[in-house]
Structures are given as structure tokens and as C-alpha cells.
């Protein structure tokens, strides 16, 4: 067997690899590590979870802030909401609402 002399290498590569070696190595590395498509799904889920958590914090802060100020969120029942508006309304507003209601009834 011929002994290799490093002093006479010059600019050529001192090592030889079979044809297609690097292509085959890339294919094997991709098979082991995956091609990167699967990495997007967890990233999207993490981003959605972060957005949901931020929204929950904002909503929680708003509810706590209303509670600490002594205010209640608007009633879900429209009749209760209407009655609370009537209780807070002035006499002039009530007279105007009554006049509008009577006008609507007379037009029907």
C-alpha cells in the first residue's frame, strides 16, 4: 500500500469519499432528525396558548377591577337592565321615554 505524503498535498483534497456520499449523509440525517415540517405544529400551539393566556389575564383584570370599584357588569336579563336604567333616569328622561312609547303605540 502506498504511504500518503502530507508535504506533497498542495491544493488538492487529501481525502477521497465515494460518489453520492454527502447526499446519502443528508438523507440519513433528515430521516433521524425530521425534515422540519413537524416543528411548526408545536410552535403554532404555543403561540395560540400564549394568546389565550394573555386574553384570560386581560379579562380577569377587567373583572377584578370592576369588582374592586364596586361596579357590577351589565345584567344579562334585558328586563333587569331596563329597570336599572329607569331607576337611574331623571324625570325629564322618563317623560320623554313615555311620550315616545305613546307615539309608537298610536302609530300601530
PDB file of N, CA and C in Angstrom:
ATOM      1  N   UNK A   1       0.837  -1.167   0.000  1.00  0.00           N
ATOM      2  CA  UNK A   1       0.000   0.000   0.000  1.00  0.00           C
ATOM      3  C   UNK A   1       0.890   1.240   0.000  1.00  0.00           C
ATOM      4  N   UNK A   2       0.453   2.233  -0.747  1.00  0.00           N
ATOM      5  CA  UNK A   2       1.214   3.457  -0.912  1.00  0.00           C
ATOM      6  C   UNK A   2       1.002   4.360   0.296  1.00  0.00           C
ATOM      7  N   UNK A   3       2.087   4.893   0.878  1.00  0.00           N
ATOM      8  CA  UNK A   3       2.006   5.763   2.043  1.00  0.00           C
ATOM      9  C   UNK A   3       1.766   7.185   1.561  1.00  0.00           C
ATOM     10  N   UNK A   4       0.863   7.892   2.249  1.00  0.00           N
ATOM     11  CA  UNK A   4       0.491   9.243   1.850  1.00  0.00           C
ATOM     12  C   UNK A   4       1.479  10.246   2.408  1.00  0.00           C
ATOM     13  N   UNK A   5       1.882  11.181   1.563  1.00  0.00           N
ATOM     14  CA  UNK A   5       2.847  12.203   1.959  1.00  0.00           C
ATOM     15  C   UNK A   5       2.116  13.545   2.069  1.00  0.00           C
ATOM     16  N   UNK A   6       1.943  14.066   3.314  1.00  0.00           N
ATOM     17  CA  UNK A   6       1.228  15.319   3.536  1.00  0.00           C
ATOM     18  C   UNK A   6       1.976  16.537   2.990  1.00  0.00           C
ATOM     19  N   UNK A   7       3.268  16.427   2.808  1.00  0.00           N
ATOM     20  CA  UNK A   7       4.050  17.558   2.310  1.00  0.00           C
ATOM     21  C   UNK A   7       3.798  17.824   0.827  1.00  0.00           C
ATOM     22  N   UNK A   8       3.346  16.848   0.097  1.00  0.00           N
ATOM     23  CA  UNK A   8       3.105  16.993  -1.336  1.00  0.00           C
ATOM     24  C   UNK A   8       1.617  17.135  -1.666  1.00  0.00           C
ATOM     25  N   UNK A   9       0.813  17.541  -0.719  1.00  0.00           N
ATOM     26  CA  UNK A   9      -0.631  17.636  -0.958  1.00  0.00           C
ATOM     27  C   UNK A   9      -0.946  18.784  -1.894  1.00  0.00           C
ATOM     28  N   UNK A  10      -0.412  19.947  -1.637  1.00  0.00           N
ATOM     29  CA  UNK A  10      -0.702  21.108  -2.463  1.00  0.00           C
ATOM     30  C   UNK A  10      -2.128  21.597  -2.210  1.00  0.00           C
ATOM     31  N   UNK A  11      -2.865  21.926  -3.277  1.00  0.00           N
ATOM     32  CA  UNK A  11      -4.218  22.448  -3.151  1.00  0.00           C
ATOM     33  C   UNK A  11      -5.284  21.372  -3.302  1.00  0.00           C
ATOM     34  N   UNK A  12      -4.910  20.171  -3.550  1.00  0.00           N
ATOM     35  CA  UNK A  12      -5.922  19.127  -3.730  1.00  0.00           C
ATOM     36  C   UNK A  12      -6.316  18.526  -2.391  1.00  0.00           C
ATOM     37  N   UNK A  13      -7.479  17.942  -2.364  1.00  0.00           N
ATOM     38  CA  UNK A  13      -8.036  17.363  -1.139  1.00  0.00           C
ATOM     39  C   UNK A  13      -7.319  16.044  -0.842  1.00  0.00           C
ATOM     40  N   UNK A  14      -6.809  15.877   0.355  1.00  0.00           N
ATOM     41  CA  UNK A  14      -6.053  14.657   0.651  1.00  0.00           C
ATOM     42  C   UNK A  14      -6.944  13.445   0.913  1.00  0.00           C
ATOM     43  N   UNK A  15      -8.250  13.636   1.008  1.00  0.00           N
ATOM     44  CA  UNK A  15      -9.153  12.525   1.321  1.00  0.00           C
ATOM     45  C   UNK A  15     -10.120  12.313   0.172  1.00  0.00           C
ATOM     46  N   UNK A  16     -10.520  11.091  -0.019  1.00  0.00           N
ATOM     47  CA  UNK A  16     -11.492  10.740  -1.058  1.00  0.00           C
ATOM     48  C   UNK A  16     -12.744  10.176  -0.397  1.00  0.00           C
ATOM     49  N   UNK A  17     -13.900  10.545  -0.949  1.00  0.00           N
ATOM     50  CA  UNK A  17     -15.170   9.978  -0.479  1.00  0.00           C
ATOM     51  C   UNK A  17     -15.886   9.404  -1.680  1.00  0.00           C
ATOM     52  N   UNK A  18     -16.694   8.386  -1.475  1.00  0.00           N
ATOM     53  CA  UNK A  18     -17.414   7.796  -2.602  1.00  0.00           C
ATOM     54  C   UNK A  18     -18.416   8.795  -3.194  1.00  0.00           C
ATOM     55  N   UNK A  19     -18.750   8.606  -4.464  1.00  0.00           N
ATOM     56  CA  UNK A  19     -19.743   9.468  -5.114  1.00  0.00           C
ATOM     57  C   UNK A  19     -21.087   9.348  -4.402  1.00  0.00           C
ATOM     58  N   UNK A  20     -21.757  10.484  -4.195  1.00  0.00           N
ATOM     59  CA  UNK A  20     -23.067  10.493  -3.545  1.00  0.00           C
ATOM     60  C   UNK A  20     -23.014  10.372  -2.038  1.00  0.00           C
ATOM     61  N   UNK A  21     -21.839  10.424  -1.445  1.00  0.00           N
ATOM     62  CA  UNK A  21     -21.691  10.264  -0.005  1.00  0.00           C
ATOM     63  C   UNK A  21     -22.436  11.363   0.756  1.00  0.00           C
ATOM     64  N   UNK A  22     -22.271  12.603   0.335  1.00  0.00           N
ATOM     65  CA  UNK A  22     -22.885  13.714   1.062  1.00  0.00           C
ATOM     66  C   UNK A  22     -24.406  13.732   0.893  1.00  0.00           C
ATOM     67  N   UNK A  23     -24.887  13.333  -0.294  1.00  0.00           N
ATOM     68  CA  UNK A  23     -26.341  13.236  -0.492  1.00  0.00           C
ATOM     69  C   UNK A  23     -26.938  12.169   0.419  1.00  0.00           C
ATOM     70  N   UNK A  24     -26.261  11.055   0.499  1.00  0.00           N
ATOM     71  CA  UNK A  24     -26.745   9.967   1.362  1.00  0.00           C
ATOM     72  C   UNK A  24     -26.676  10.368   2.836  1.00  0.00           C
ATOM     73  N   UNK A  25     -25.631  11.087   3.223  1.00  0.00           N
ATOM     74  CA  UNK A  25     -25.497  11.543   4.608  1.00  0.00           C
ATOM     75  C   UNK A  25     -26.619  12.521   4.953  1.00  0.00           C
ATOM     76  N   UNK A  26     -26.960  13.401   4.006  1.00  0.00           N
ATOM     77  CA  UNK A  26     -28.057  14.350   4.243  1.00  0.00           C
ATOM     78  C   UNK A  26     -29.380  13.615   4.411  1.00  0.00           C
ATOM     79  N   UNK A  27     -29.627  12.623   3.565  1.00  0.00           N
ATOM     80  CA  UNK A  27     -30.875  11.854   3.668  1.00  0.00           C
ATOM     81  C   UNK A  27     -30.972  11.129   5.011  1.00  0.00           C
ATOM     82  N   UNK A  28     -29.862  10.548   5.446  1.00  0.00           N
ATOM     83  CA  UNK A  28     -29.878   9.854   6.741  1.00  0.00           C
ATOM     84  C   UNK A  28     -30.091  10.820   7.896  1.00  0.00           C
ATOM     85  N   UNK A  29     -29.466  11.992   7.832  1.00  0.00           N
ATOM     86  CA  UNK A  29     -29.629  12.996   8.899  1.00  0.00           C
ATOM     87  C   UNK A  29     -31.075  13.491   8.944  1.00  0.00           C
ATOM     88  N   UNK A  30     -31.685  13.714   7.778  1.00  0.00           N
ATOM     89  CA  UNK A  30     -33.089  14.156   7.747  1.00  0.00           C
ATOM     90  C   UNK A  30     -34.023  13.069   8.264  1.00  0.00           C
ATOM     91  N   UNK A  31     -33.693  11.813   7.978  1.00  0.00           N
ATOM     92  CA  UNK A  31     -34.528  10.719   8.467  1.00  0.00           C
ATOM     93  C   UNK A  31     -34.484  10.623   9.986  1.00  0.00           C
ATOM     94  N   UNK A  32     -33.338  10.905  10.562  1.00  0.00           N
ATOM     95  CA  UNK A  32     -33.189  10.821  12.021  1.00  0.00           C
ATOM     96  C   UNK A  32     -33.809  12.035  12.709  1.00  0.00           C
ATOM     97  N   UNK A  33     -33.520  13.235  12.180  1.00  0.00           N
ATOM     98  CA  UNK A  33     -33.967  14.457  12.853  1.00  0.00           C
ATOM     99  C   UNK A  33     -35.303  14.979  12.351  1.00  0.00           C
ATOM    100  N   UNK A  34     -35.800  14.494  11.248  1.00  0.00           N
ATOM    101  CA  UNK A  34     -37.029  15.019  10.665  1.00  0.00           C
ATOM    102  C   UNK A  34     -36.692  16.131   9.698  1.00  0.00           C
ATOM    103  N   UNK A  35     -37.665  16.479   8.859  1.00  0.00           N
ATOM    104  CA  UNK A  35     -37.385  17.486   7.831  1.00  0.00           C
ATOM    105  C   UNK A  35     -37.825  18.887   8.235  1.00  0.00           C
ATOM    106  N   UNK A  36     -38.272  19.090   9.463  1.00  0.00           N
ATOM    107  CA  UNK A  36     -38.614  20.421   9.932  1.00  0.00           C
ATOM    108  C   UNK A  36     -40.089  20.752   9.842  1.00  0.00           C
ATOM    109  N   UNK A  37     -40.874  19.972   9.128  1.00  0.00           N
ATOM    110  CA  UNK A  37     -42.298  20.269   8.996  1.00  0.00           C
ATOM    111  C   UNK A  37     -43.044  20.037  10.307  1.00  0.00           C
ATOM    112  N   UNK A  38     -42.608  19.102  11.079  1.00  0.00           N
ATOM    113  CA  UNK A  38     -43.286  18.805  12.336  1.00  0.00           C
ATOM    114  C   UNK A  38     -43.010  19.869  13.387  1.00  0.00           C
ATOM    115  N   UNK A  39     -41.984  20.658  13.224  1.00  0.00           N
ATOM    116  CA  UNK A  39     -41.635  21.666  14.225  1.00  0.00           C
ATOM    117  C   UNK A  39     -42.620  22.834  14.223  1.00  0.00           C
ATOM    118  N   UNK A  40     -43.370  23.047  13.132  1.00  0.00           N
ATOM    119  CA  UNK A  40     -44.306  24.166  13.063  1.00  0.00           C
ATOM    120  C   UNK A  40     -45.530  23.943  13.937  1.00  0.00           C
ATOM    121  N   UNK A  41     -46.025  22.730  14.034  1.00  0.00           N
ATOM    122  CA  UNK A  41     -47.256  22.478  14.783  1.00  0.00           C
ATOM    123  C   UNK A  41     -47.118  22.866  16.256  1.00  0.00           C
ATOM    124  N   UNK A  42     -46.092  22.421  16.968  1.00  0.00           N
ATOM    125  CA  UNK A  42     -45.962  22.859  18.362  1.00  0.00           C
ATOM    126  C   UNK A  42     -45.779  24.364  18.484  1.00  0.00           C
ATOM    127  N   UNK A  43     -45.115  24.986  17.522  1.00  0.00           N
ATOM    128  CA  UNK A  43     -44.915  26.426  17.574  1.00  0.00           C
ATOM    129  C   UNK A  43     -46.253  27.155  17.456  1.00  0.00           C
ATOM    130  N   UNK A  44     -47.130  26.700  16.588  1.00  0.00           N
ATOM    131  CA  UNK A  44     -48.446  27.313  16.429  1.00  0.00           C
ATOM    132  C   UNK A  44     -49.269  27.100  17.697  1.00  0.00           C
ATOM    133  N   UNK A  45     -49.199  25.908  18.268  1.00  0.00           N
ATOM    134  CA  UNK A  45     -49.937  25.637  19.502  1.00  0.00           C
ATOM    135  C   UNK A  45     -49.423  26.498  20.649  1.00  0.00           C
ATOM    136  N   UNK A  46     -48.115  26.672  20.727  1.00  0.00           N
ATOM    137  CA  UNK A  46     -47.554  27.523  21.781  1.00  0.00           C
ATOM    138  C   UNK A  46     -48.006  28.969  21.624  1.00  0.00           C
ATOM    139  N   UNK A  47     -48.041  29.443  20.400  1.00  0.00           N
ATOM    140  CA  UNK A  47     -48.464  30.822  20.151  1.00  0.00           C
ATOM    141  C   UNK A  47     -49.943  30.995  20.498  1.00  0.00           C
ATOM    142  N   UNK A  48     -50.789  30.030  20.125  1.00  0.00           N
ATOM    143  CA  UNK A  48     -52.214  30.103  20.445  1.00  0.00           C
ATOM    144  C   UNK A  48     -52.433  30.051  21.952  1.00  0.00           C
ATOM    145  N   UNK A  49     -51.666  29.231  22.642  1.00  0.00           N
ATOM    146  CA  UNK A  49     -51.787  29.150  24.099  1.00  0.00           C
ATOM    147  C   UNK A  49     -51.364  30.465  24.749  1.00  0.00           C
ATOM    148  N   UNK A  50     -50.331  31.100  24.222  1.00  0.00           N
ATOM    149  CA  UNK A  50     -49.883  32.381  24.779  1.00  0.00           C
ATOM    150  C   UNK A  50     -50.933  33.469  24.562  1.00  0.00           C
ATOM    151  N   UNK A  51     -51.570  33.481  23.402  1.00  0.00           N
ATOM    152  CA  UNK A  51     -52.622  34.465  23.128  1.00  0.00           C
ATOM    153  C   UNK A  51     -53.810  34.230  24.038  1.00  0.00           C
ATOM    154  N   UNK A  52     -54.203  32.960  24.216  1.00  0.00           N
ATOM    155  CA  UNK A  52     -55.329  32.644  25.101  1.00  0.00           C
ATOM    156  C   UNK A  52     -55.015  33.040  26.544  1.00  0.00           C
ATOM    157  N   UNK A  53     -53.799  32.808  26.972  1.00  0.00           N
ATOM    158  CA  UNK A  53     -53.416  33.182  28.338  1.00  0.00           C
ATOM    159  C   UNK A  53     -53.441  34.694  28.518  1.00  0.00           C
ATOM    160  N   UNK A  54     -52.964  35.433  27.520  1.00  0.00           N
ATOM    161  CA  UNK A  54     -52.986  36.892  27.603  1.00  0.00           C
ATOM    162  C   UNK A  54     -54.417  37.415  27.656  1.00  0.00           C
ATOM    163  N   UNK A  55     -55.309  36.830  26.846  1.00  0.00           N
ATOM    164  CA  UNK A  55     -56.713  37.242  26.861  1.00  0.00           C
ATOM    165  C   UNK A  55     -57.354  36.946  28.216  1.00  0.00           C
ATOM    166  N   UNK A  56     -57.025  35.807  28.795  1.00  0.00           N
ATOM    167  CA  UNK A  56     -57.577  35.453  30.106  1.00  0.00           C
ATOM    168  C   UNK A  56     -57.092  36.430  31.181  1.00  0.00           C
ATOM    169  N   UNK A  57     -55.842  36.840  31.107  1.00  0.00           N
ATOM    170  CA  UNK A  57     -55.313  37.797  32.081  1.00  0.00           C
ATOM    171  C   UNK A  57     -56.018  39.145  31.940  1.00  0.00           C
ATOM    172  N   UNK A  58     -56.223  39.586  30.705  1.00  0.00           N
ATOM    173  CA  UNK A  58     -56.888  40.876  30.482  1.00  0.00           C
ATOM    174  C   UNK A  58     -58.330  40.835  30.984  1.00  0.00           C
ATOM    175  N   UNK A  59     -59.051  39.778  30.664  1.00  0.00           N
ATOM    176  CA  UNK A  59     -60.437  39.650  31.121  1.00  0.00           C
ATOM    177  C   UNK A  59     -60.490  39.557  32.639  1.00  0.00           C
ATOM    178  N   UNK A  60     -59.596  38.780  33.218  1.00  0.00           N
ATOM    179  CA  UNK A  60     -59.555  38.659  34.680  1.00  0.00           C
ATOM    180  C   UNK A  60     -59.262  39.994  35.346  1.00  0.00           C
ATOM    181  N   UNK A  61     -58.340  40.754  34.790  1.00  0.00           N
ATOM    182  CA  UNK A  61     -58.019  42.067  35.359  1.00  0.00           C
ATOM    183  C   UNK A  61     -59.212  43.013  35.258  1.00  0.00           C
ATOM    184  N   UNK A  62     -59.949  42.946  34.150  1.00  0.00           N
ATOM    185  CA  UNK A  62     -61.125  43.808  33.993  1.00  0.00           C
ATOM    186  C   UNK A  62     -62.198  43.451  35.015  1.00  0.00           C
ATOM    187  N   UNK A  63     -62.450  42.157  35.212  1.00  0.00           N
ATOM    188  CA  UNK A  63     -63.466  41.726  36.173  1.00  0.00           C
ATOM    189  C   UNK A  63     -63.054  42.108  37.594  1.00  0.00           C
ATOM    190  N   UNK A  64     -61.808  41.884  37.925  1.00  0.00           N
ATOM    191  CA  UNK A  64     -61.328  42.239  39.269  1.00  0.00           C
ATOM    192  C   UNK A  64     -61.386  43.756  39.469  1.00  0.00           C
ATOM    193  N   UNK A  65     -61.012  44.515  38.438  1.00  0.00           N
ATOM    194  CA  UNK A  65     -61.078  45.962  38.525  1.00  0.00           C
ATOM    195  C   UNK A  65     -62.498  46.459  38.750  1.00  0.00           C
ATOM    196  N   UNK A  66     -63.464  45.872  38.050  1.00  0.00           N
ATOM    197  CA  UNK A  66     -64.864  46.253  38.256  1.00  0.00           C
ATOM    198  C   UNK A  66     -65.324  45.883  39.653  1.00  0.00           C
ATOM    199  N   UNK A  67     -64.900  44.732  40.104  1.00  0.00           N
ATOM    200  CA  UNK A  67     -65.300  44.280  41.436  1.00  0.00           C
ATOM    201  C   UNK A  67     -64.734  45.198  42.517  1.00  0.00           C
ATOM    202  N   UNK A  68     -63.480  45.591  42.377  1.00  0.00           N
ATOM    203  CA  UNK A  68     -62.846  46.456  43.364  1.00  0.00           C
ATOM    204  C   UNK A  68     -63.451  47.860  43.365  1.00  0.00           C
ATOM    205  N   UNK A  69     -63.935  48.316  42.215  1.00  0.00           N
ATOM    206  CA  UNK A  69     -64.571  49.621  42.139  1.00  0.00           C
ATOM    207  C   UNK A  69     -66.011  49.567  42.619  1.00  0.00           C
ATOM    208  N   UNK A  70     -66.542  48.387  42.849  1.00  0.00           N
ATOM    209  CA  UNK A  70     -67.900  48.233  43.345  1.00  0.00           C
ATOM    210  C   UNK A  70     -68.947  48.231  42.245  1.00  0.00           C
ATOM    211  N   UNK A  71     -68.510  48.171  40.987  1.00  0.00           N
ATOM    212  CA  UNK A  71     -69.456  48.138  39.881  1.00  0.00           C
ATOM    213  C   UNK A  71     -69.733  46.698  39.502  1.00  0.00           C
ATOM    214  N   UNK A  72     -70.932  46.495  39.021  1.00  0.00           N
ATOM    215  CA  UNK A  72     -71.301  45.172  38.551  1.00  0.00           C
ATOM    216  C   UNK A  72     -71.402  45.206  37.032  1.00  0.00           C
ATOM    217  N   UNK A  73     -71.060  44.122  36.373  1.00  0.00           N
ATOM    218  CA  UNK A  73     -71.253  44.074  34.929  1.00  0.00           C
ATOM    219  C   UNK A  73     -72.745  44.193  34.607  1.00  0.00           C
ATOM    220  N   UNK A  74     -73.070  44.624  33.403  1.00  0.00           N
ATOM    221  CA  UNK A  74     -74.467  44.788  32.989  1.00  0.00           C
ATOM    222  C   UNK A  74     -75.216  43.468  33.140  1.00  0.00           C
ATOM    223  N   UNK A  75     -76.466  43.569  33.544  1.00  0.00           N
ATOM    224  CA  UNK A  75     -77.285  42.372  33.742  1.00  0.00           C
ATOM    225  C   UNK A  75     -77.514  41.676  32.410  1.00  0.00           C
ATOM    226  N   UNK A  76     -77.540  40.360  32.453  1.00  0.00           N
ATOM    227  CA  UNK A  76     -77.767  39.600  31.237  1.00  0.00           C
ATOM    228  C   UNK A  76     -79.238  39.651  30.831  1.00  0.00           C
ATOM    229  N   UNK A  77     -80.120  39.844  31.794  1.00  0.00           N
ATOM    230  CA  UNK A  77     -81.557  39.888  31.533  1.00  0.00           C
ATOM    231  C   UNK A  77     -81.929  41.291  31.048  1.00  0.00           C
ATOM    232  N   UNK A  78     -82.510  41.438  29.851  1.00  0.00           N
ATOM    233  CA  UNK A  78     -82.848  42.763  29.329  1.00  0.00           C
ATOM    234  C   UNK A  78     -83.844  43.517  30.211  1.00  0.00           C
ATOM    235  N   UNK A  79     -84.768  42.799  30.818  1.00  0.00           N
ATOM    236  CA  UNK A  79     -85.757  43.455  31.673  1.00  0.00           C
ATOM    237  C   UNK A  79     -85.083  44.072  32.906  1.00  0.00           C
ATOM    238  N   UNK A  80     -84.145  43.356  33.500  1.00  0.00           N
ATOM    239  CA  UNK A  80     -83.414  43.889  34.643  1.00  0.00           C
ATOM    240  C   UNK A  80     -82.591  45.109  34.246  1.00  0.00           C
ATOM    241  N   UNK A  81     -81.990  45.041  33.063  1.00  0.00           N
ATOM    242  CA  UNK A  81     -81.206  46.168  32.572  1.00  0.00           C
ATOM    243  C   UNK A  81     -82.095  47.385  32.354  1.00  0.00           C
ATOM    244  N   UNK A  82     -83.277  47.191  31.790  1.00  0.00           N
ATOM    245  CA  UNK A  82     -84.217  48.279  31.546  1.00  0.00           C
ATOM    246  C   UNK A  82     -84.668  48.892  32.863  1.00  0.00           C
ATOM    247  N   UNK A  83     -84.953  48.044  33.846  1.00  0.00           N
ATOM    248  CA  UNK A  83     -85.395  48.562  35.142  1.00  0.00           C
ATOM    249  C   UNK A  83     -84.290  49.341  35.844  1.00  0.00           C
ATOM    250  N   UNK A  84     -83.034  48.897  35.695  1.00  0.00           N
ATOM    251  CA  UNK A  84     -81.934  49.635  36.323  1.00  0.00           C
ATOM    252  C   UNK A  84     -81.717  50.980  35.627  1.00  0.00           C
ATOM    253  N   UNK A  85     -81.939  51.033  34.306  1.00  0.00           N
ATOM    254  CA  UNK A  85     -81.845  52.297  33.591  1.00  0.00           C
ATOM    255  C   UNK A  85     -82.963  53.246  34.014  1.00  0.00           C
ATOM    256  N   UNK A  86     -84.153  52.701  34.200  1.00  0.00           N
ATOM    257  CA  UNK A  86     -85.278  53.531  34.645  1.00  0.00           C
ATOM    258  C   UNK A  86     -85.023  54.094  36.033  1.00  0.00           C
ATOM    259  N   UNK A  87     -84.445  53.313  36.907  1.00  0.00           N
ATOM    260  CA  UNK A  87     -84.177  53.765  38.269  1.00  0.00           C
ATOM    261  C   UNK A  87     -83.171  54.911  38.285  1.00  0.00           C
ATOM    262  N   UNK A  88     -82.238  54.899  37.345  1.00  0.00           N
ATOM    263  CA  UNK A  88     -81.210  55.935  37.283  1.00  0.00           C
ATOM    264  C   UNK A  88     -81.628  57.152  36.454  1.00  0.00           C
ATOM    265  N   UNK A  89     -82.724  57.049  35.722  1.00  0.00           N
ATOM    266  CA  UNK A  89     -83.127  58.114  34.799  1.00  0.00           C
ATOM    267  C   UNK A  89     -83.765  59.278  35.559  1.00  0.00           C
ATOM    268  N   UNK A  90     -83.633  60.465  34.986  1.00  0.00           N
ATOM    269  CA  UNK A  90     -84.263  61.650  35.584  1.00  0.00           C
ATOM    270  C   UNK A  90     -85.731  61.715  35.152  1.00  0.00           C
ATOM    271  N   UNK A  91     -86.499  62.618  35.767  1.00  0.00           N
ATOM    272  CA  UNK A  91     -87.918  62.765  35.442  1.00  0.00           C
ATOM    273  C   UNK A  91     -88.106  63.208  33.996  1.00  0.00           C
ATOM    274  N   UNK A  92     -87.265  64.100  33.518  1.00  0.00           N
ATOM    275  CA  UNK A  92     -87.375  64.565  32.134  1.00  0.00           C
ATOM    276  C   UNK A  92     -87.170  63.409  31.156  1.00  0.00           C
ATOM    277  N   UNK A  93     -86.195  62.571  31.441  1.00  0.00           N
ATOM    278  CA  UNK A  93     -85.918  61.421  30.576  1.00  0.00           C
ATOM    279  C   UNK A  93     -87.097  60.466  30.588  1.00  0.00           C
ATOM    280  N   UNK A  94     -87.687  60.223  31.750  1.00  0.00           N
ATOM    281  CA  UNK A  94     -88.833  59.328  31.843  1.00  0.00           C
ATOM    282  C   UNK A  94     -90.017  59.883  31.071  1.00  0.00           C
ATOM    283  N   UNK A  95     -90.266  61.187  31.151  1.00  0.00           N
ATOM    284  CA  UNK A  95     -91.366  61.792  30.404  1.00  0.00           C
ATOM    285  C   UNK A  95     -91.134  61.652  28.903  1.00  0.00           C
ATOM    286  N   UNK A  96     -89.897  61.851  28.462  1.00  0.00           N
ATOM    287  CA  UNK A  96     -89.577  61.721  27.042  1.00  0.00           C
ATOM    288  C   UNK A  96     -89.755  60.287  26.574  1.00  0.00           C
ATOM    289  N   UNK A  97     -89.329  59.324  27.408  1.00  0.00           N
ATOM    290  CA  UNK A  97     -89.491  57.911  27.052  1.00  0.00           C
ATOM    291  C   UNK A  97     -90.970  57.559  26.968  1.00  0.00           C
ATOM    292  N   UNK A  98     -91.758  58.058  27.900  1.00  0.00           N
ATOM    293  CA  UNK A  98     -93.204  57.791  27.878  1.00  0.00           C
ATOM    294  C   UNK A  98     -93.856  58.386  26.651  1.00  0.00           C
ATOM    295  N   UNK A  99     -93.457  59.603  26.264  1.00  0.00           N
ATOM    296  CA  UNK A  99     -94.026  60.238  25.072  1.00  0.00           C
ATOM    297  C   UNK A  99     -93.673  59.445  23.823  1.00  0.00           C
ATOM    298  N   UNK A 100     -92.421  58.966  23.751  1.00  0.00           N
ATOM    299  CA  UNK A 100     -92.010  58.152  22.596  1.00  0.00           C
ATOM    300  C   UNK A 100     -92.790  56.847  22.536  1.00  0.00           C
ATOM    301  N   UNK A 101     -93.013  56.256  23.677  1.00  0.00           N
ATOM    302  CA  UNK A 101     -93.751  54.999  23.732  1.00  0.00           C
ATOM    303  C   UNK A 101     -95.199  55.215  23.292  1.00  0.00           C
ATOM    304  N   UNK A 102     -95.819  56.286  23.775  1.00  0.00           N
ATOM    305  CA  UNK A 102     -97.209  56.569  23.406  1.00  0.00           C
ATOM    306  C   UNK A 102     -97.306  56.847  21.904  1.00  0.00           C
ATOM    307  N   UNK A 103     -96.318  57.511  21.348  1.00  0.00           N
ATOM    308  CA  UNK A 103     -96.316  57.796  19.911  1.00  0.00           C
ATOM    309  C   UNK A 103     -96.214  56.507  19.106  1.00  0.00           C
ATOM    310  N   UNK A 104     -95.359  55.572  19.551  1.00  0.00           N
ATOM    311  CA  UNK A 104     -95.227  54.289  18.864  1.00  0.00           C
ATOM    312  C   UNK A 104     -96.520  53.510  18.913  1.00  0.00           C
ATOM    313  N   UNK A 105     -97.206  53.550  20.060  1.00  0.00           N
ATOM    314  CA  UNK A 105     -98.469  52.804  20.197  1.00  0.00           C
ATOM    315  C   UNK A 105     -99.529  53.407  19.271  1.00  0.00           C
ATOM    316  N   UNK A 106     -99.598  54.719  19.198  1.00  0.00           N
ATOM    317  CA  UNK A 106    -100.620  55.371  18.366  1.00  0.00           C
ATOM    318  C   UNK A 106    -100.355  55.150  16.863  1.00  0.00           C
ATOM    319  N   UNK A 107     -99.082  54.929  16.474  1.00  0.00           N
ATOM    320  CA  UNK A 107     -98.767  54.707  15.064  1.00  0.00           C
ATOM    321  C   UNK A 107     -99.129  53.286  14.634  1.00  0.00           C
ATOM    322  N   UNK A 108     -99.235  52.387  15.575  1.00  0.00           N
ATOM    323  CA  UNK A 108     -99.561  50.984  15.215  1.00  0.00           C
ATOM    324  C   UNK A 108    -101.000  50.873  14.974  1.00  0.00           C
TER     325      UNK A 108
END
